[in-house]
């Protein structure tokens, strides 16, 4: 009997521990995470396009999470934990928002970062939930409710004055193919060849171009691309230029030389719109602003 009681006690403790375990916060690697299979691939892709467009234009981030349940926590407790973990929104601007849907619990909540609380007020968010999202959810249209709710949130954020999105200069292969830039690469390699030798001069040319690209664009990718293209072109040009003994190269800088240009683009320029595994938060902060709702129960939690 003692052994049976011990087994029953152990099982009871394991059951109570499992029941009290918090729902894990999934890693943030895309703007829309659905752990319930409620949304189709097309629904997720369309939402991701909207959210990435908002981030590119305004800098603000909105993330969506759908889970079966948040038990034993309330929807508010869990969504705050998710917000603190994901940190959507820009650092020190705190312009992030989070929509959490607990499908089996029939609860949802929108968390709002500090920087958006002036526009996405608690009253505004509650109206979006009650007037837009919940009616769709009650009709079984979860994709429509989320999409229209996000549209309303984006519309409000569009009217908010926020710091501009930081731009970065990207040096591309087209920039390096410009005649003046190519001429500079050839002349740089020829200038260094008498002192360094052909191979070292070519390597030095690529290195100088990479360093210049790093300072101009501030991007490792752009620097590596520029250095690699510069190395290959300098190598090709050196093969065409004959080496003469006793040859002396004179270099006269008659004026300042311009030369590097790049298109300014957002940090997501050049990425495929359907590449949604590169999303991450920006260290935004949340203070509990937002609202909750339920599409079956009378009072939100």
Protein backbone atom coordinates (compact mmCIF):
# COMPACT_ATOMS: atom_id res chain seq x y z
CA UNK A 1 0.00 0.00 0.00
CA UNK A 2 2.84 2.36 0.80
CA UNK A 3 4.32 1.89 -2.67
CA UNK A 4 0.94 2.53 -4.33
CA UNK A 5 0.48 5.73 -2.36
CA UNK A 6 3.97 6.88 -3.29
CA UNK A 7 3.25 6.27 -6.98
CA UNK A 8 -0.08 8.14 -6.77
CA UNK A 9 1.59 11.05 -4.98
CA UNK A 10 4.36 11.22 -7.56
CA UNK A 11 1.86 11.18 -10.44
CA UNK A 12 -0.17 13.89 -8.73
CA UNK A 13 2.91 16.07 -8.34
CA UNK A 14 3.87 15.54 -11.99
CA UNK A 15 0.34 16.40 -13.11
CA UNK A 16 0.21 19.55 -11.03
CA UNK A 17 3.65 20.58 -12.31
CA UNK A 18 2.62 20.06 -15.93
CA UNK A 19 -0.62 21.96 -15.36
CA UNK A 20 1.21 24.93 -13.88
CA UNK A 21 3.95 25.07 -16.53
CA UNK A 22 3.99 28.28 -18.52
CA UNK A 23 3.42 28.22 -22.25
CA UNK A 24 6.77 28.68 -23.97
CA UNK A 25 7.43 31.84 -25.94
CA UNK A 26 8.50 30.78 -29.46
CA UNK A 27 11.59 32.34 -31.04
CA UNK A 28 10.85 35.39 -33.18
CA UNK A 29 12.04 34.66 -36.73
CA UNK A 30 9.12 35.95 -38.76
CA UNK A 31 6.42 38.59 -38.26
CA UNK A 32 3.55 36.07 -38.19
CA UNK A 33 3.78 32.90 -36.10
CA UNK A 34 0.77 30.56 -36.09
CA UNK A 35 1.08 27.51 -33.85
CA UNK A 36 -2.50 26.41 -34.50
CA UNK A 37 -2.58 26.05 -38.28
CA UNK A 38 -5.43 28.56 -38.43
CA UNK A 39 -3.92 30.70 -41.19
CA UNK A 40 -3.04 29.41 -44.63
CA UNK A 41 0.37 29.97 -46.20
CA UNK A 42 -1.17 32.66 -48.39
CA UNK A 43 -2.72 34.41 -45.37
CA UNK A 44 0.64 34.47 -43.59
CA UNK A 45 2.46 35.72 -46.70
CA UNK A 46 -0.01 38.57 -47.24
CA UNK A 47 0.21 39.64 -43.61
CA UNK A 48 4.01 39.47 -43.72
CA UNK A 49 4.07 41.76 -46.76
CA UNK A 50 1.92 44.34 -44.94
CA UNK A 51 4.07 44.22 -41.83
CA UNK A 52 7.37 44.41 -43.68
CA UNK A 53 6.06 47.35 -45.73
CA UNK A 54 5.14 49.16 -42.51
CA UNK A 55 8.61 48.52 -41.09
CA UNK A 56 10.30 49.72 -44.28
CA UNK A 57 8.26 52.94 -44.42
CA UNK A 58 7.80 53.90 -40.79
CA UNK A 59 10.27 51.74 -38.87
CA UNK A 60 7.50 50.39 -36.64
CA UNK A 61 7.15 46.65 -36.13
CA UNK A 62 3.97 44.64 -35.55
CA UNK A 63 4.21 40.94 -34.75
CA UNK A 64 1.40 38.38 -34.65
CA UNK A 65 1.32 35.23 -32.53
CA UNK A 66 -1.45 32.62 -32.52
CA UNK A 67 -1.30 29.93 -29.83
CA UNK A 68 -3.84 27.31 -28.71
CA UNK A 69 -3.89 28.51 -25.09
CA UNK A 70 -2.02 30.70 -22.63
CA UNK A 71 -3.13 28.70 -19.56
CA UNK A 72 -2.32 28.81 -16.72
CA UNK A 73 -1.56 32.49 -17.44
CA UNK A 74 -4.14 35.03 -18.54
CA UNK A 75 -3.87 36.42 -22.06
CA UNK A 76 -2.47 39.66 -20.62
CA UNK A 77 0.19 37.94 -18.56
CA UNK A 78 1.33 35.83 -21.48
CA UNK A 79 1.29 38.64 -24.06
CA UNK A 80 3.38 40.88 -21.81
CA UNK A 81 5.87 38.03 -21.43
CA UNK A 82 5.98 37.64 -25.21
CA UNK A 83 6.42 41.39 -25.70
CA UNK A 84 9.28 41.51 -23.20
CA UNK A 85 10.95 38.55 -24.92
CA UNK A 86 10.50 39.62 -28.53
CA UNK A 87 11.08 43.36 -28.00
CA UNK A 88 9.48 44.38 -31.30
CA UNK A 89 9.97 48.02 -32.25
CA UNK A 90 13.05 50.18 -32.53
CA UNK A 91 15.36 50.74 -29.59
CA UNK A 92 14.60 53.95 -27.65
CA UNK A 93 11.69 54.67 -30.03
CA UNK A 94 9.64 51.71 -28.77
CA UNK A 95 7.31 51.75 -31.76
CA UNK A 96 6.29 48.11 -31.67
CA UNK A 97 2.95 46.37 -31.26
CA UNK A 98 1.97 42.76 -30.71
CA UNK A 99 -1.24 40.86 -31.47
CA UNK A 100 -1.65 37.62 -29.51
CA UNK A 101 -4.56 35.26 -30.19
CA UNK A 102 -5.27 32.29 -27.89
CA UNK A 103 -7.63 30.37 -30.14
CA UNK A 104 -8.84 27.63 -27.78
CA UNK A 105 -9.26 30.14 -24.95
CA UNK A 106 -11.12 32.48 -27.33
CA UNK A 107 -9.10 35.41 -26.05
CA UNK A 108 -6.92 37.95 -27.81
CA UNK A 109 -4.83 40.92 -26.80
CA UNK A 110 -2.93 43.76 -28.44
CA UNK A 111 0.17 45.05 -26.65
CA UNK A 112 1.44 48.52 -27.56
CA UNK A 113 4.98 49.86 -27.12
CA UNK A 114 5.66 53.13 -25.32
CA UNK A 115 6.31 55.00 -28.55
CA UNK A 116 2.87 54.21 -30.02
CA UNK A 117 0.76 54.76 -26.92
CA UNK A 118 -0.03 58.31 -28.05
CA UNK A 119 -1.83 57.05 -31.17
CA UNK A 120 -2.69 53.43 -30.40
CA UNK A 121 -4.31 54.37 -27.10
CA UNK A 122 -6.07 51.79 -24.96
CA UNK A 123 -9.43 53.11 -26.17
CA UNK A 124 -8.38 52.98 -29.83
CA UNK A 125 -7.04 49.44 -29.49
CA UNK A 126 -10.19 48.32 -27.67
CA UNK A 127 -12.33 49.68 -30.51
CA UNK A 128 -10.22 47.83 -33.08
CA UNK A 129 -10.72 44.63 -31.12
CA UNK A 130 -14.44 45.06 -30.46
CA UNK A 131 -15.49 46.58 -33.80
CA UNK A 132 -13.17 44.90 -36.28
CA UNK A 133 -11.53 41.71 -35.01
CA UNK A 134 -14.13 40.08 -32.74
CA UNK A 135 -17.06 40.25 -35.23
CA UNK A 136 -14.90 38.41 -37.78
CA UNK A 137 -13.74 35.87 -35.21
CA UNK A 138 -17.33 35.16 -34.15
CA UNK A 139 -18.13 34.43 -37.80
CA UNK A 140 -15.18 32.04 -37.97
CA UNK A 141 -13.14 34.33 -40.22
CA UNK A 142 -9.87 34.44 -38.31
CA UNK A 143 -7.74 35.47 -41.29
CA UNK A 144 -10.13 38.32 -42.11
CA UNK A 145 -10.30 39.51 -38.51
CA UNK A 146 -6.54 39.59 -38.12
CA UNK A 147 -5.98 41.20 -41.52
CA UNK A 148 -8.56 43.97 -41.01
CA UNK A 149 -7.39 44.55 -37.45
CA UNK A 150 -3.80 44.93 -38.67
CA UNK A 151 -5.00 47.30 -41.40
CA UNK A 152 -6.63 49.53 -38.79
CA UNK A 153 -3.51 49.48 -36.62
CA UNK A 154 -1.31 50.38 -39.60
CA UNK A 155 -3.67 53.21 -40.54
CA UNK A 156 -3.33 54.69 -37.05
CA UNK A 157 0.46 54.27 -37.05
CA UNK A 158 0.70 55.94 -40.46
CA UNK A 159 -0.72 59.08 -38.88
CA UNK A 160 1.86 59.06 -36.10
CA UNK A 161 4.97 61.25 -36.43
CA UNK A 162 7.93 58.95 -35.81
CA UNK A 163 11.69 59.24 -36.35
CA UNK A 164 12.65 58.42 -39.92
CA UNK A 165 13.86 54.95 -40.83
CA UNK A 166 17.65 54.79 -40.85
CA UNK A 167 19.02 54.44 -44.36
CA UNK A 168 22.16 52.64 -45.37
CA UNK A 169 24.26 53.03 -48.49
CA UNK A 170 24.56 49.81 -50.48
CA UNK A 171 27.34 49.52 -53.05
CA UNK A 172 26.30 47.11 -55.77
CA UNK A 173 27.96 45.46 -58.72
CA UNK A 174 26.38 48.08 -60.99
CA UNK A 175 28.20 50.81 -59.08
CA UNK A 176 31.53 49.05 -59.59
CA UNK A 177 30.82 48.64 -63.30
CA UNK A 178 30.66 52.40 -63.89
CA UNK A 179 33.47 53.48 -66.27
CA UNK A 180 35.00 56.00 -63.87
CA UNK A 181 35.12 53.46 -61.03
CA UNK A 182 36.70 50.86 -63.29
CA UNK A 183 39.28 53.40 -64.43
CA UNK A 184 40.16 54.16 -60.80
CA UNK A 185 40.61 50.46 -60.07
CA UNK A 186 42.94 49.99 -63.05
CA UNK A 187 44.99 53.07 -62.18
CA UNK A 188 45.24 52.07 -58.54
CA UNK A 189 46.59 48.63 -59.48
CA UNK A 190 49.07 50.08 -62.00
CA UNK A 191 50.27 52.66 -59.48
CA UNK A 192 51.04 50.00 -56.86
CA UNK A 193 52.49 47.34 -59.19
CA UNK A 194 56.10 48.66 -59.47
CA UNK A 195 56.49 48.73 -55.71
CA UNK A 196 54.53 45.63 -54.74
CA UNK A 197 54.55 43.33 -57.73
CA UNK A 198 51.61 42.26 -59.83
CA UNK A 199 49.86 39.80 -57.48
CA UNK A 200 50.33 41.79 -54.29
CA UNK A 201 49.24 44.96 -56.10
CA UNK A 202 46.04 43.24 -57.21
CA UNK A 203 45.36 42.01 -53.67
CA UNK A 204 46.09 45.44 -52.26
CA UNK A 205 43.72 46.99 -54.79
CA UNK A 206 40.91 44.71 -53.67
CA UNK A 207 41.71 45.47 -50.03
CA UNK A 208 41.71 49.23 -50.52
CA UNK A 209 38.39 49.05 -52.36
CA UNK A 210 36.88 46.87 -49.63
CA UNK A 211 37.98 49.31 -46.90
CA UNK A 212 36.62 52.25 -48.89
CA UNK A 213 33.31 50.45 -49.37
CA UNK A 214 33.17 49.68 -45.66
CA UNK A 215 33.54 53.35 -44.74
CA UNK A 216 31.07 54.50 -47.37
CA UNK A 217 28.36 51.87 -46.98
CA UNK A 218 28.97 50.66 -43.43
CA UNK A 219 28.14 47.16 -44.60
CA UNK A 220 30.35 44.07 -44.46
CA UNK A 221 28.45 42.54 -47.36
CA UNK A 222 28.99 45.60 -49.53
CA UNK A 223 32.66 45.73 -48.54
CA UNK A 224 33.25 42.07 -49.43
CA UNK A 225 31.38 42.45 -52.71
CA UNK A 226 33.29 45.59 -53.67
CA UNK A 227 36.65 44.10 -52.68
CA UNK A 228 35.98 40.88 -54.59
CA UNK A 229 34.87 42.62 -57.76
CA UNK A 230 37.76 45.08 -57.51
CA UNK A 231 40.26 42.22 -57.08
CA UNK A 232 38.93 40.32 -60.10
CA UNK A 233 38.84 43.35 -62.36
CA UNK A 234 42.29 44.53 -61.24
CA UNK A 235 43.65 41.02 -61.90
CA UNK A 236 42.17 41.05 -65.39
CA UNK A 237 43.44 44.57 -66.09
CA UNK A 238 46.94 43.72 -64.86
CA UNK A 239 47.11 40.81 -67.28
CA UNK A 240 46.43 43.20 -70.16
CA UNK A 241 48.99 45.82 -69.10
CA UNK A 242 52.55 44.79 -70.08
CA UNK A 243 55.27 44.89 -67.50
CA UNK A 244 58.38 46.83 -68.62
CA UNK A 245 61.66 46.82 -66.79
CA UNK A 246 62.77 50.19 -65.65
CA UNK A 247 59.28 51.47 -66.22
CA UNK A 248 58.41 54.41 -64.04
CA UNK A 249 54.86 55.32 -63.21
CA UNK A 250 54.08 58.93 -62.43
CA UNK A 251 50.79 59.79 -60.75
CA UNK A 252 49.45 63.29 -60.82
CA UNK A 253 46.30 64.11 -58.91
CA UNK A 254 45.10 67.17 -60.71
CA UNK A 255 42.06 67.46 -58.55
CA UNK A 256 39.84 65.62 -56.18
CA UNK A 257 38.46 62.32 -57.38
CA UNK A 258 34.93 61.36 -56.65
CA UNK A 259 33.88 57.90 -57.29
CA UNK A 260 31.77 55.83 -54.96
CA UNK A 261 28.02 56.01 -55.16
CA UNK A 262 25.28 53.74 -54.04
CA UNK A 263 21.52 53.63 -53.90
CA UNK A 264 20.10 54.43 -50.50
CA UNK A 265 17.73 51.78 -49.40
CA UNK A 266 16.07 50.47 -46.28
CA UNK A 267 17.71 47.69 -44.33
CA UNK A 268 15.52 45.14 -46.08
CA UNK A 269 16.29 46.37 -49.65
CA UNK A 270 17.02 43.55 -52.05
CA UNK A 271 15.44 40.86 -49.92
CA UNK A 272 12.71 38.71 -51.37
CA UNK A 273 9.31 39.65 -49.98
CA UNK A 274 8.60 36.03 -49.18
CA UNK A 275 11.77 35.51 -47.20
CA UNK A 276 10.20 35.67 -43.77
CA UNK A 277 12.77 33.84 -41.66
CA UNK A 278 14.94 36.92 -41.11
CA UNK A 279 12.59 38.90 -38.86
CA UNK A 280 13.73 39.97 -35.41
CA UNK A 281 12.80 42.52 -32.82
CA UNK A 282 14.60 45.80 -32.43
CA UNK A 283 14.84 46.11 -28.62
CA UNK A 284 11.56 47.99 -28.21
CA UNK A 285 10.01 48.39 -24.76
CA UNK A 286 6.45 47.82 -23.56
CA UNK A 287 4.70 49.18 -20.51
CA UNK A 288 1.42 47.29 -20.46
CA UNK A 289 -0.51 49.57 -22.80
CA UNK A 290 -3.11 47.84 -24.94
CA UNK A 291 -6.38 46.00 -24.61
CA UNK A 292 -7.87 42.51 -24.49
CA UNK A 293 -11.01 40.90 -25.83
CA UNK A 294 -12.94 37.66 -26.04
CA UNK A 295 -15.24 36.55 -28.83
CA UNK A 296 -17.35 34.28 -26.60
CA UNK A 297 -17.06 35.36 -22.99
CA UNK A 298 -18.66 38.56 -21.77
CA UNK A 299 -15.67 40.07 -20.03
CA UNK A 300 -12.12 40.25 -21.43
CA UNK A 301 -9.27 38.96 -19.30
